[in-house]
Amino acid sequence: MPAQVVLSFPETSLDQGNRLASSLADDLRDLDPTLIVERQKHNPQTQDFGATLAIIVGSAAASAIGKGIATWLARNSGARLTIRTKDGEVLGQNLDSRDAARIAAAFSPER
């Protein structure tokens, strides 16, 4: 059964959060064009495109998404990413490809 995962970028300005969300969403869609990645606003009163990403994750995509996020974080050094699932949240920072398995586990709907 698919699960929803929400990604956000703590301690960033609205502009920077929008850029990071756009970049990560593009990377994830390039990784798997069937992946459902939606940008959401923190505040519906603002005119931004949304600095939060909501992803619908099935078990087949969890590993690929984990690797994609780890690669994206390695390329965007210093970026911080909060991953929220129904079970809680985790903060990712200073990660690289060695962390892909842990990130993929956060996306697994079968946890």
PDB file of N, CA and C in Angstrom:
ATOM      1  N   MET A   1       0.843  -1.177   0.000  1.00  0.00           N
ATOM      2  CA  MET A   1       0.000   0.000   0.000  1.00  0.00           C
ATOM      3  C   MET A   1       0.887   1.239   0.000  1.00  0.00           C
ATOM      4  N   PRO A   2       0.657   2.179  -0.910  1.00  0.00           N
ATOM      5  CA  PRO A   2       1.470   3.400  -0.968  1.00  0.00           C
ATOM      6  C   PRO A   2       1.305   4.246   0.290  1.00  0.00           C
ATOM      7  N   ALA A   3       2.357   4.973   0.604  1.00  0.00           N
ATOM      8  CA  ALA A   3       2.347   5.863   1.757  1.00  0.00           C
ATOM      9  C   ALA A   3       2.755   7.255   1.295  1.00  0.00           C
ATOM     10  N   GLN A   4       2.352   8.260   2.046  1.00  0.00           N
ATOM     11  CA  GLN A   4       2.766   9.626   1.728  1.00  0.00           C
ATOM     12  C   GLN A   4       3.939  10.005   2.614  1.00  0.00           C
ATOM     13  N   VAL A   5       4.925  10.621   1.994  1.00  0.00           N
ATOM     14  CA  VAL A   5       6.089  11.132   2.691  1.00  0.00           C
ATOM     15  C   VAL A   5       6.184  12.616   2.355  1.00  0.00           C
ATOM     16  N   VAL A   6       6.470  13.433   3.362  1.00  0.00           N
ATOM     17  CA  VAL A   6       6.563  14.879   3.162  1.00  0.00           C
ATOM     18  C   VAL A   6       8.002  15.310   3.429  1.00  0.00           C
ATOM     19  N   LEU A   7       8.563  16.031   2.465  1.00  0.00           N
ATOM     20  CA  LEU A   7       9.927  16.535   2.576  1.00  0.00           C
ATOM     21  C   LEU A   7       9.878  18.047   2.730  1.00  0.00           C
ATOM     22  N   SER A   8      10.642  18.571   3.668  1.00  0.00           N
ATOM     23  CA  SER A   8      10.719  20.019   3.836  1.00  0.00           C
ATOM     24  C   SER A   8      12.165  20.403   4.112  1.00  0.00           C
ATOM     25  N   PHE A   9      12.437  21.679   4.035  1.00  0.00           N
ATOM     26  CA  PHE A   9      13.792  22.197   4.126  1.00  0.00           C
ATOM     27  C   PHE A   9      13.879  23.168   5.291  1.00  0.00           C
ATOM     28  N   PRO A  10      14.225  22.679   6.481  1.00  0.00           N
ATOM     29  CA  PRO A  10      14.237  23.539   7.677  1.00  0.00           C
ATOM     30  C   PRO A  10      15.340  24.588   7.599  1.00  0.00           C
ATOM     31  N   GLU A  11      15.081  25.683   8.281  1.00  0.00           N
ATOM     32  CA  GLU A  11      16.050  26.774   8.425  1.00  0.00           C
ATOM     33  C   GLU A  11      16.484  27.356   7.078  1.00  0.00           C
ATOM     34  N   THR A  12      15.528  27.449   6.134  1.00  0.00           N
ATOM     35  CA  THR A  12      15.819  28.093   4.858  1.00  0.00           C
ATOM     36  C   THR A  12      14.818  29.222   4.639  1.00  0.00           C
ATOM     37  N   SER A  13      15.228  30.175   3.828  1.00  0.00           N
ATOM     38  CA  SER A  13      14.291  31.230   3.451  1.00  0.00           C
ATOM     39  C   SER A  13      13.266  30.634   2.496  1.00  0.00           C
ATOM     40  N   LEU A  14      12.174  31.339   2.277  1.00  0.00           N
ATOM     41  CA  LEU A  14      11.139  30.877   1.360  1.00  0.00           C
ATOM     42  C   LEU A  14      11.703  30.706  -0.050  1.00  0.00           C
ATOM     43  N   ASP A  15      12.516  31.670  -0.497  1.00  0.00           N
ATOM     44  CA  ASP A  15      13.127  31.579  -1.827  1.00  0.00           C
ATOM     45  C   ASP A  15      14.043  30.368  -1.939  1.00  0.00           C
ATOM     46  N   GLN A  16      14.887  30.188  -0.941  1.00  0.00           N
ATOM     47  CA  GLN A  16      15.818  29.063  -0.975  1.00  0.00           C
ATOM     48  C   GLN A  16      15.049  27.742  -0.887  1.00  0.00           C
ATOM     49  N   GLY A  17      14.041  27.670  -0.047  1.00  0.00           N
ATOM     50  CA  GLY A  17      13.227  26.453   0.064  1.00  0.00           C
ATOM     51  C   GLY A  17      12.547  26.121  -1.251  1.00  0.00           C
ATOM     52  N   ASN A  18      12.055  27.145  -1.953  1.00  0.00           N
ATOM     53  CA  ASN A  18      11.449  26.934  -3.265  1.00  0.00           C
ATOM     54  C   ASN A  18      12.456  26.382  -4.263  1.00  0.00           C
ATOM     55  N   ARG A  19      13.666  26.929  -4.271  1.00  0.00           N
ATOM     56  CA  ARG A  19      14.700  26.431  -5.189  1.00  0.00           C
ATOM     57  C   ARG A  19      15.073  24.986  -4.870  1.00  0.00           C
ATOM     58  N   LEU A  20      15.252  24.687  -3.593  1.00  0.00           N
ATOM     59  CA  LEU A  20      15.612  23.325  -3.200  1.00  0.00           C
ATOM     60  C   LEU A  20      14.489  22.346  -3.538  1.00  0.00           C
ATOM     61  N   ALA A  21      13.251  22.731  -3.257  1.00  0.00           N
ATOM     62  CA  ALA A  21      12.106  21.858  -3.559  1.00  0.00           C
ATOM     63  C   ALA A  21      11.998  21.608  -5.060  1.00  0.00           C
ATOM     64  N   SER A  22      12.178  22.641  -5.860  1.00  0.00           N
ATOM     65  CA  SER A  22      12.106  22.493  -7.309  1.00  0.00           C
ATOM     66  C   SER A  22      13.196  21.562  -7.821  1.00  0.00           C
ATOM     67  N   SER A  23      14.401  21.757  -7.342  1.00  0.00           N
ATOM     68  CA  SER A  23      15.537  20.941  -7.761  1.00  0.00           C
ATOM     69  C   SER A  23      15.339  19.474  -7.389  1.00  0.00           C
ATOM     70  N   LEU A  24      14.947  19.224  -6.149  1.00  0.00           N
ATOM     71  CA  LEU A  24      14.745  17.839  -5.706  1.00  0.00           C
ATOM     72  C   LEU A  24      13.569  17.196  -6.435  1.00  0.00           C
ATOM     73  N   ALA A  25      12.488  17.927  -6.619  1.00  0.00           N
ATOM     74  CA  ALA A  25      11.329  17.376  -7.342  1.00  0.00           C
ATOM     75  C   ALA A  25      11.722  16.993  -8.764  1.00  0.00           C
ATOM     76  N   ASP A  26      12.478  17.858  -9.437  1.00  0.00           N
ATOM     77  CA  ASP A  26      12.931  17.550 -10.800  1.00  0.00           C
ATOM     78  C   ASP A  26      13.804  16.304 -10.815  1.00  0.00           C
ATOM     79  N   ASP A  27      14.735  16.209  -9.863  1.00  0.00           N
ATOM     80  CA  ASP A  27      15.617  15.038  -9.798  1.00  0.00           C
ATOM     81  C   ASP A  27      14.825  13.759  -9.571  1.00  0.00           C
ATOM     82  N   LEU A  28      13.851  13.807  -8.671  1.00  0.00           N
ATOM     83  CA  LEU A  28      13.066  12.604  -8.380  1.00  0.00           C
ATOM     84  C   LEU A  28      12.196  12.214  -9.573  1.00  0.00           C
ATOM     85  N   ARG A  29      11.632  13.186 -10.257  1.00  0.00           N
ATOM     86  CA  ARG A  29      10.824  12.884 -11.456  1.00  0.00           C
ATOM     87  C   ARG A  29      11.690  12.331 -12.576  1.00  0.00           C
ATOM     88  N   ASP A  30      12.929  12.825 -12.690  1.00  0.00           N
ATOM     89  CA  ASP A  30      13.851  12.282 -13.685  1.00  0.00           C
ATOM     90  C   ASP A  30      14.210  10.842 -13.352  1.00  0.00           C
ATOM     91  N   LEU A  31      14.330  10.566 -12.082  1.00  0.00           N
ATOM     92  CA  LEU A  31      14.653   9.217 -11.622  1.00  0.00           C
ATOM     93  C   LEU A  31      13.535   8.237 -11.944  1.00  0.00           C
ATOM     94  N   ASP A  32      12.296   8.667 -11.730  1.00  0.00           N
ATOM     95  CA  ASP A  32      11.136   7.811 -12.000  1.00  0.00           C
ATOM     96  C   ASP A  32       9.967   8.699 -12.424  1.00  0.00           C
ATOM     97  N   PRO A  33       9.714   8.773 -13.742  1.00  0.00           N
ATOM     98  CA  PRO A  33       8.650   9.651 -14.227  1.00  0.00           C
ATOM     99  C   PRO A  33       7.252   9.290 -13.727  1.00  0.00           C
ATOM    100  N   THR A  34       7.061   8.091 -13.218  1.00  0.00           N
ATOM    101  CA  THR A  34       5.748   7.695 -12.702  1.00  0.00           C
ATOM    102  C   THR A  34       5.547   8.122 -11.250  1.00  0.00           C
ATOM    103  N   LEU A  35       6.590   8.609 -10.625  1.00  0.00           N
ATOM    104  CA  LEU A  35       6.534   9.015  -9.223  1.00  0.00           C
ATOM    105  C   LEU A  35       5.637  10.237  -9.054  1.00  0.00           C
ATOM    106  N   ILE A  36       4.796  10.229  -8.050  1.00  0.00           N
ATOM    107  CA  ILE A  36       3.918  11.366  -7.761  1.00  0.00           C
ATOM    108  C   ILE A  36       4.622  12.266  -6.741  1.00  0.00           C
ATOM    109  N   VAL A  37       5.077  13.420  -7.230  1.00  0.00           N
ATOM    110  CA  VAL A  37       5.772  14.408  -6.395  1.00  0.00           C
ATOM    111  C   VAL A  37       5.017  15.716  -6.550  1.00  0.00           C
ATOM    112  N   GLU A  38       4.455  16.212  -5.460  1.00  0.00           N
ATOM    113  CA  GLU A  38       3.679  17.454  -5.497  1.00  0.00           C
ATOM    114  C   GLU A  38       4.300  18.483  -4.572  1.00  0.00           C
ATOM    115  N   ARG A  39       4.403  19.704  -5.056  1.00  0.00           N
ATOM    116  CA  ARG A  39       4.883  20.793  -4.214  1.00  0.00           C
ATOM    117  C   ARG A  39       3.712  21.365  -3.440  1.00  0.00           C
ATOM    118  N   GLN A  40       3.961  21.679  -2.166  1.00  0.00           N
ATOM    119  CA  GLN A  40       2.932  22.235  -1.296  1.00  0.00           C
ATOM    120  C   GLN A  40       3.471  23.475  -0.609  1.00  0.00           C
ATOM    121  N   LYS A  41       2.566  24.383  -0.320  1.00  0.00           N
ATOM    122  CA  LYS A  41       2.923  25.605   0.401  1.00  0.00           C
ATOM    123  C   LYS A  41       2.798  25.379   1.904  1.00  0.00           C
ATOM    124  N   HIS A  42       3.712  26.018   2.648  1.00  0.00           N
ATOM    125  CA  HIS A  42       3.571  26.051   4.107  1.00  0.00           C
ATOM    126  C   HIS A  42       2.409  26.950   4.491  1.00  0.00           C
ATOM    127  N   ASN A  43       2.284  28.052   3.753  1.00  0.00           N
ATOM    128  CA  ASN A  43       1.282  29.057   4.052  1.00  0.00           C
ATOM    129  C   ASN A  43       0.496  29.356   2.775  1.00  0.00           C
ATOM    130  N   PRO A  44      -0.792  29.041   2.734  1.00  0.00           N
ATOM    131  CA  PRO A  44      -1.567  29.276   1.512  1.00  0.00           C
ATOM    132  C   PRO A  44      -1.702  30.748   1.138  1.00  0.00           C
ATOM    133  N   GLN A  45      -1.351  31.658   2.036  1.00  0.00           N
ATOM    134  CA  GLN A  45      -1.457  33.092   1.769  1.00  0.00           C
ATOM    135  C   GLN A  45      -0.282  33.631   0.951  1.00  0.00           C
ATOM    136  N   THR A  46       0.811  32.858   0.834  1.00  0.00           N
ATOM    137  CA  THR A  46       1.975  33.331   0.085  1.00  0.00           C
ATOM    138  C   THR A  46       1.820  33.000  -1.393  1.00  0.00           C
ATOM    139  N   GLN A  47       2.628  33.657  -2.219  1.00  0.00           N
ATOM    140  CA  GLN A  47       2.558  33.440  -3.657  1.00  0.00           C
ATOM    141  C   GLN A  47       3.667  32.529  -4.171  1.00  0.00           C
ATOM    142  N   ASP A  48       4.310  31.805  -3.294  1.00  0.00           N
ATOM    143  CA  ASP A  48       5.374  30.909  -3.729  1.00  0.00           C
ATOM    144  C   ASP A  48       4.784  29.649  -4.365  1.00  0.00           C
ATOM    145  N   PHE A  49       5.634  28.853  -4.991  1.00  0.00           N
ATOM    146  CA  PHE A  49       5.189  27.614  -5.629  1.00  0.00           C
ATOM    147  C   PHE A  49       5.091  26.460  -4.646  1.00  0.00           C
ATOM    148  N   GLY A  50       5.729  26.599  -3.512  1.00  0.00           N
ATOM    149  CA  GLY A  50       5.702  25.550  -2.496  1.00  0.00           C
ATOM    150  C   GLY A  50       7.098  25.057  -2.188  1.00  0.00           C
ATOM    151  N   ALA A  51       7.482  25.142  -0.936  1.00  0.00           N
ATOM    152  CA  ALA A  51       8.809  24.729  -0.515  1.00  0.00           C
ATOM    153  C   ALA A  51       8.771  23.390   0.208  1.00  0.00           C
ATOM    154  N   THR A  52       7.663  22.680   0.078  1.00  0.00           N
ATOM    155  CA  THR A  52       7.507  21.358   0.680  1.00  0.00           C
ATOM    156  C   THR A  52       7.112  20.392  -0.427  1.00  0.00           C
ATOM    157  N   LEU A  53       7.630  19.179  -0.364  1.00  0.00           N
ATOM    158  CA  LEU A  53       7.281  18.158  -1.352  1.00  0.00           C
ATOM    159  C   LEU A  53       6.504  17.043  -0.683  1.00  0.00           C
ATOM    160  N   ALA A  54       5.430  16.613  -1.303  1.00  0.00           N
ATOM    161  CA  ALA A  54       4.686  15.433  -0.853  1.00  0.00           C
ATOM    162  C   ALA A  54       4.893  14.359  -1.914  1.00  0.00           C
ATOM    163  N   ILE A  55       5.301  13.174  -1.478  1.00  0.00           N
ATOM    164  CA  ILE A  55       5.587  12.077  -2.397  1.00  0.00           C
ATOM    165  C   ILE A  55       4.740  10.887  -2.003  1.00  0.00           C
ATOM    166  N   ILE A  56       4.098  10.283  -2.990  1.00  0.00           N
ATOM    167  CA  ILE A  56       3.384   9.031  -2.763  1.00  0.00           C
ATOM    168  C   ILE A  56       4.368   7.917  -3.091  1.00  0.00           C
ATOM    169  N   VAL A  57       4.657   7.079  -2.109  1.00  0.00           N
ATOM    170  CA  VAL A  57       5.719   6.093  -2.243  1.00  0.00           C
ATOM    171  C   VAL A  57       5.158   4.683  -2.154  1.00  0.00           C
ATOM    172  N   GLY A  58       5.438   3.890  -3.166  1.00  0.00           N
ATOM    173  CA  GLY A  58       5.165   2.457  -3.139  1.00  0.00           C
ATOM    174  C   GLY A  58       6.456   1.730  -2.801  1.00  0.00           C
ATOM    175  N   SER A  59       6.374   0.492  -2.407  1.00  0.00           N
ATOM    176  CA  SER A  59       7.559  -0.234  -1.968  1.00  0.00           C
ATOM    177  C   SER A  59       8.601  -0.370  -3.066  1.00  0.00           C
ATOM    178  N   ALA A  60       8.188  -0.462  -4.325  1.00  0.00           N
ATOM    179  CA  ALA A  60       9.144  -0.623  -5.420  1.00  0.00           C
ATOM    180  C   ALA A  60      10.004   0.622  -5.607  1.00  0.00           C
ATOM    181  N   ALA A  61       9.482   1.789  -5.285  1.00  0.00           N
ATOM    182  CA  ALA A  61      10.211   3.038  -5.516  1.00  0.00           C
ATOM    183  C   ALA A  61      11.067   3.471  -4.334  1.00  0.00           C
ATOM    184  N   ALA A  62      10.901   2.867  -3.172  1.00  0.00           N
ATOM    185  CA  ALA A  62      11.567   3.351  -1.960  1.00  0.00           C
ATOM    186  C   ALA A  62      13.076   3.387  -2.098  1.00  0.00           C
ATOM    187  N   SER A  63      13.679   2.340  -2.602  1.00  0.00           N
ATOM    188  CA  SER A  63      15.132   2.286  -2.720  1.00  0.00           C
ATOM    189  C   SER A  63      15.646   3.336  -3.699  1.00  0.00           C
ATOM    190  N   ALA A  64      14.997   3.462  -4.841  1.00  0.00           N
ATOM    191  CA  ALA A  64      15.417   4.440  -5.842  1.00  0.00           C
ATOM    192  C   ALA A  64      15.284   5.859  -5.300  1.00  0.00           C
ATOM    193  N   ILE A  65      14.201   6.141  -4.581  1.00  0.00           N
ATOM    194  CA  ILE A  65      14.008   7.478  -4.009  1.00  0.00           C
ATOM    195  C   ILE A  65      15.087   7.761  -2.975  1.00  0.00           C
ATOM    196  N   GLY A  66      15.399   6.779  -2.145  1.00  0.00           N
ATOM    197  CA  GLY A  66      16.460   6.947  -1.151  1.00  0.00           C
ATOM    198  C   GLY A  66      17.786   7.296  -1.798  1.00  0.00           C
ATOM    199  N   LYS A  67      18.124   6.581  -2.863  1.00  0.00           N
ATOM    200  CA  LYS A  67      19.381   6.863  -3.575  1.00  0.00           C
ATOM    201  C   LYS A  67      19.333   8.239  -4.223  1.00  0.00           C
ATOM    202  N   GLY A  68      18.175   8.604  -4.796  1.00  0.00           N
ATOM    203  CA  GLY A  68      18.036   9.913  -5.425  1.00  0.00           C
ATOM    204  C   GLY A  68      18.203  11.048  -4.431  1.00  0.00           C
ATOM    205  N   ILE A  69      17.616  10.902  -3.258  1.00  0.00           N
ATOM    206  CA  ILE A  69      17.736  11.943  -2.233  1.00  0.00           C
ATOM    207  C   ILE A  69      19.164  12.029  -1.711  1.00  0.00           C
ATOM    208  N   ALA A  70      19.802  10.868  -1.481  1.00  0.00           N
ATOM    209  CA  ALA A  70      21.188  10.882  -1.005  1.00  0.00           C
ATOM    210  C   ALA A  70      22.102  11.564  -2.020  1.00  0.00           C
ATOM    211  N   THR A  71      21.909  11.282  -3.300  1.00  0.00           N
ATOM    212  CA  THR A  71      22.704  11.917  -4.357  1.00  0.00           C
ATOM    213  C   THR A  71      22.435  13.418  -4.394  1.00  0.00           C
ATOM    214  N   TRP A  72      21.164  13.803  -4.278  1.00  0.00           N
ATOM    215  CA  TRP A  72      20.796  15.214  -4.288  1.00  0.00           C
ATOM    216  C   TRP A  72      21.425  15.945  -3.098  1.00  0.00           C
ATOM    217  N   LEU A  73      21.370  15.334  -1.905  1.00  0.00           N
ATOM    218  CA  LEU A  73      21.959  15.967  -0.717  1.00  0.00           C
ATOM    219  C   LEU A  73      23.472  16.105  -0.860  1.00  0.00           C
ATOM    220  N   ALA A  74      24.124  15.107  -1.455  1.00  0.00           N
ATOM    221  CA  ALA A  74      25.572  15.193  -1.653  1.00  0.00           C
ATOM    222  C   ALA A  74      25.915  16.337  -2.611  1.00  0.00           C
ATOM    223  N   ARG A  75      25.086  16.560  -3.623  1.00  0.00           N
ATOM    224  CA  ARG A  75      25.292  17.626  -4.602  1.00  0.00           C
ATOM    225  C   ARG A  75      24.946  18.997  -4.028  1.00  0.00           C
ATOM    226  N   ASN A  76      24.073  19.045  -3.065  1.00  0.00           N
ATOM    227  CA  ASN A  76      23.636  20.301  -2.441  1.00  0.00           C
ATOM    228  C   ASN A  76      24.186  20.363  -1.026  1.00  0.00           C
ATOM    229  N   SER A  77      25.501  20.431  -0.940  1.00  0.00           N
ATOM    230  CA  SER A  77      26.143  20.378   0.366  1.00  0.00           C
ATOM    231  C   SER A  77      25.601  21.469   1.283  1.00  0.00           C
ATOM    232  N   GLY A  78      25.388  21.102   2.505  1.00  0.00           N
ATOM    233  CA  GLY A  78      24.860  22.032   3.491  1.00  0.00           C
ATOM    234  C   GLY A  78      23.343  22.051   3.560  1.00  0.00           C
ATOM    235  N   ALA A  79      22.678  21.461   2.553  1.00  0.00           N
ATOM    236  CA  ALA A  79      21.209  21.435   2.572  1.00  0.00           C
ATOM    237  C   ALA A  79      20.745  20.503   3.685  1.00  0.00           C
ATOM    238  N   ARG A  80      19.680  20.900   4.327  1.00  0.00           N
ATOM    239  CA  ARG A  80      19.057  20.078   5.371  1.00  0.00           C
ATOM    240  C   ARG A  80      17.680  19.694   4.875  1.00  0.00           C
ATOM    241  N   LEU A  81      17.297  18.474   5.154  1.00  0.00           N
ATOM    242  CA  LEU A  81      16.042  17.944   4.651  1.00  0.00           C
ATOM    243  C   LEU A  81      15.342  17.194   5.768  1.00  0.00           C
ATOM    244  N   THR A  82      14.087  17.544   6.023  1.00  0.00           N
ATOM    245  CA  THR A  82      13.287  16.816   6.995  1.00  0.00           C
ATOM    246  C   THR A  82      12.369  15.871   6.226  1.00  0.00           C
ATOM    247  N   ILE A  83      12.378  14.600   6.619  1.00  0.00           N
ATOM    248  CA  ILE A  83      11.535  13.577   6.006  1.00  0.00           C
ATOM    249  C   ILE A  83      10.493  13.178   7.039  1.00  0.00           C
ATOM    250  N   ARG A  84       9.207  13.449   6.718  1.00  0.00           N
ATOM    251  CA  ARG A  84       8.120  13.106   7.637  1.00  0.00           C
ATOM    252  C   ARG A  84       7.290  11.966   7.045  1.00  0.00           C
ATOM    253  N   THR A  85       7.069  10.951   7.861  1.00  0.00           N
ATOM    254  CA  THR A  85       6.190   9.838   7.494  1.00  0.00           C
ATOM    255  C   THR A  85       5.137   9.721   8.585  1.00  0.00           C
ATOM    256  N   LYS A  86       4.241   8.776   8.428  1.00  0.00           N
ATOM    257  CA  LYS A  86       3.208   8.561   9.446  1.00  0.00           C
ATOM    258  C   LYS A  86       3.822   8.125  10.773  1.00  0.00           C
ATOM    259  N   ASP A  87       5.065   7.629  10.733  1.00  0.00           N
ATOM    260  CA  ASP A  87       5.724   7.136  11.943  1.00  0.00           C
ATOM    261  C   ASP A  87       6.594   8.161  12.644  1.00  0.00           C
ATOM    262  N   GLY A  88       6.745   9.352  12.056  1.00  0.00           N
ATOM    263  CA  GLY A  88       7.591  10.365  12.685  1.00  0.00           C
ATOM    264  C   GLY A  88       8.388  11.112  11.643  1.00  0.00           C
ATOM    265  N   GLU A  89       9.457  11.756  12.094  1.00  0.00           N
ATOM    266  CA  GLU A  89      10.275  12.512  11.155  1.00  0.00           C
ATOM    267  C   GLU A  89      11.740  12.326  11.453  1.00  0.00           C
ATOM    268  N   VAL A  90      12.533  12.574  10.423  1.00  0.00           N
ATOM    269  CA  VAL A  90      13.979  12.443  10.517  1.00  0.00           C
ATOM    270  C   VAL A  90      14.603  13.626   9.779  1.00  0.00           C
ATOM    271  N   LEU A  91      15.709  14.145  10.275  1.00  0.00           N
ATOM    272  CA  LEU A  91      16.410  15.261   9.648  1.00  0.00           C
ATOM    273  C   LEU A  91      17.641  14.712   8.955  1.00  0.00           C
ATOM    274  N   GLY A  92      17.807  15.034   7.671  1.00  0.00           N
ATOM    275  CA  GLY A  92      18.976  14.610   6.919  1.00  0.00           C
ATOM    276  C   GLY A  92      19.856  15.800   6.599  1.00  0.00           C
ATOM    277  N   GLN A  93      21.139  15.634   6.835  1.00  0.00           N
ATOM    278  CA  GLN A  93      22.107  16.661   6.459  1.00  0.00           C
ATOM    279  C   GLN A  93      23.469  16.002   6.342  1.00  0.00           C
ATOM    280  N   ASN A  94      24.330  16.571   5.513  1.00  0.00           N
ATOM    281  CA  ASN A  94      25.685  16.052   5.310  1.00  0.00           C
ATOM    282  C   ASN A  94      25.675  14.568   4.966  1.00  0.00           C
ATOM    283  N   LEU A  95      24.774  14.164   4.084  1.00  0.00           N
ATOM    284  CA  LEU A  95      24.653  12.769   3.694  1.00  0.00           C
ATOM    285  C   LEU A  95      25.303  12.540   2.336  1.00  0.00           C
ATOM    286  N   ASP A  96      25.646  11.275   2.072  1.00  0.00           N
ATOM    287  CA  ASP A  96      26.161  10.913   0.757  1.00  0.00           C
ATOM    288  C   ASP A  96      25.594   9.561   0.361  1.00  0.00           C
ATOM    289  N   SER A  97      26.126   8.966  -0.698  1.00  0.00           N
ATOM    290  CA  SER A  97      25.563   7.730  -1.233  1.00  0.00           C
ATOM    291  C   SER A  97      25.611   6.576  -0.235  1.00  0.00           C
ATOM    292  N   ARG A  98      26.502   6.607   0.729  1.00  0.00           N
ATOM    293  CA  ARG A  98      26.547   5.546   1.743  1.00  0.00           C
ATOM    294  C   ARG A  98      25.297   5.551   2.617  1.00  0.00           C
ATOM    295  N   ASP A  99      24.577   6.666   2.649  1.00  0.00           N
ATOM    296  CA  ASP A  99      23.384   6.798   3.476  1.00  0.00           C
ATOM    297  C   ASP A  99      22.104   6.412   2.740  1.00  0.00           C
ATOM    298  N   ALA A 100      22.208   6.013   1.477  1.00  0.00           N
ATOM    299  CA  ALA A 100      21.022   5.727   0.662  1.00  0.00           C
ATOM    300  C   ALA A 100      20.132   4.651   1.287  1.00  0.00           C
ATOM    301  N   ALA A 101      20.719   3.611   1.860  1.00  0.00           N
ATOM    302  CA  ALA A 101      19.917   2.531   2.441  1.00  0.00           C
ATOM    303  C   ALA A 101      19.078   3.037   3.615  1.00  0.00           C
ATOM    304  N   ARG A 102      19.652   3.895   4.456  1.00  0.00           N
ATOM    305  CA  ARG A 102      18.897   4.443   5.598  1.00  0.00           C
ATOM    306  C   ARG A 102      17.785   5.349   5.118  1.00  0.00           C
ATOM    307  N   ILE A 103      18.059   6.141   4.089  1.00  0.00           N
ATOM    308  CA  ILE A 103      17.025   7.025   3.555  1.00  0.00           C
ATOM    309  C   ILE A 103      15.914   6.201   2.922  1.00  0.00           C
ATOM    310  N   ALA A 104      16.289   5.171   2.165  1.00  0.00           N
ATOM    311  CA  ALA A 104      15.278   4.302   1.542  1.00  0.00           C
ATOM    312  C   ALA A 104      14.401   3.651   2.600  1.00  0.00           C
ATOM    313  N   ALA A 105      14.973   3.280   3.736  1.00  0.00           N
ATOM    314  CA  ALA A 105      14.192   2.662   4.812  1.00  0.00           C
ATOM    315  C   ALA A 105      13.125   3.628   5.329  1.00  0.00           C
ATOM    316  N   ALA A 106      13.437   4.918   5.341  1.00  0.00           N
ATOM    317  CA  ALA A 106      12.455   5.910   5.795  1.00  0.00           C
ATOM    318  C   ALA A 106      11.271   5.975   4.842  1.00  0.00           C
ATOM    319  N   PHE A 107      11.493   5.618   3.583  1.00  0.00           N
ATOM    320  CA  PHE A 107      10.425   5.672   2.586  1.00  0.00           C
ATOM    321  C   PHE A 107       9.662   4.365   2.467  1.00  0.00           C
ATOM    322  N   SER A 108      10.143   3.322   3.035  1.00  0.00           N
ATOM    323  CA  SER A 108       9.495   2.027   2.869  1.00  0.00           C
ATOM    324  C   SER A 108       8.135   2.019   3.556  1.00  0.00           C
ATOM    325  N   PRO A 109       7.057   1.771   2.801  1.00  0.00           N
ATOM    326  CA  PRO A 109       5.728   1.741   3.419  1.00  0.00           C
ATOM    327  C   PRO A 109       5.504   0.490   4.265  1.00  0.00           C
ATOM    328  N   GLU A 110       6.457  -0.423   4.245  1.00  0.00           N
ATOM    329  CA  GLU A 110       6.305  -1.685   4.978  1.00  0.00           C
ATOM    330  C   GLU A 110       7.086  -1.692   6.279  1.00  0.00           C
ATOM    331  N   ARG A 111       7.416  -0.508   6.809  1.00  0.00           N
ATOM    332  CA  ARG A 111       8.185  -0.446   8.056  1.00  0.00           C
ATOM    333  C   ARG A 111       7.347  -0.875   9.214  1.00  0.00           C
TER     334      ARG A 111
END
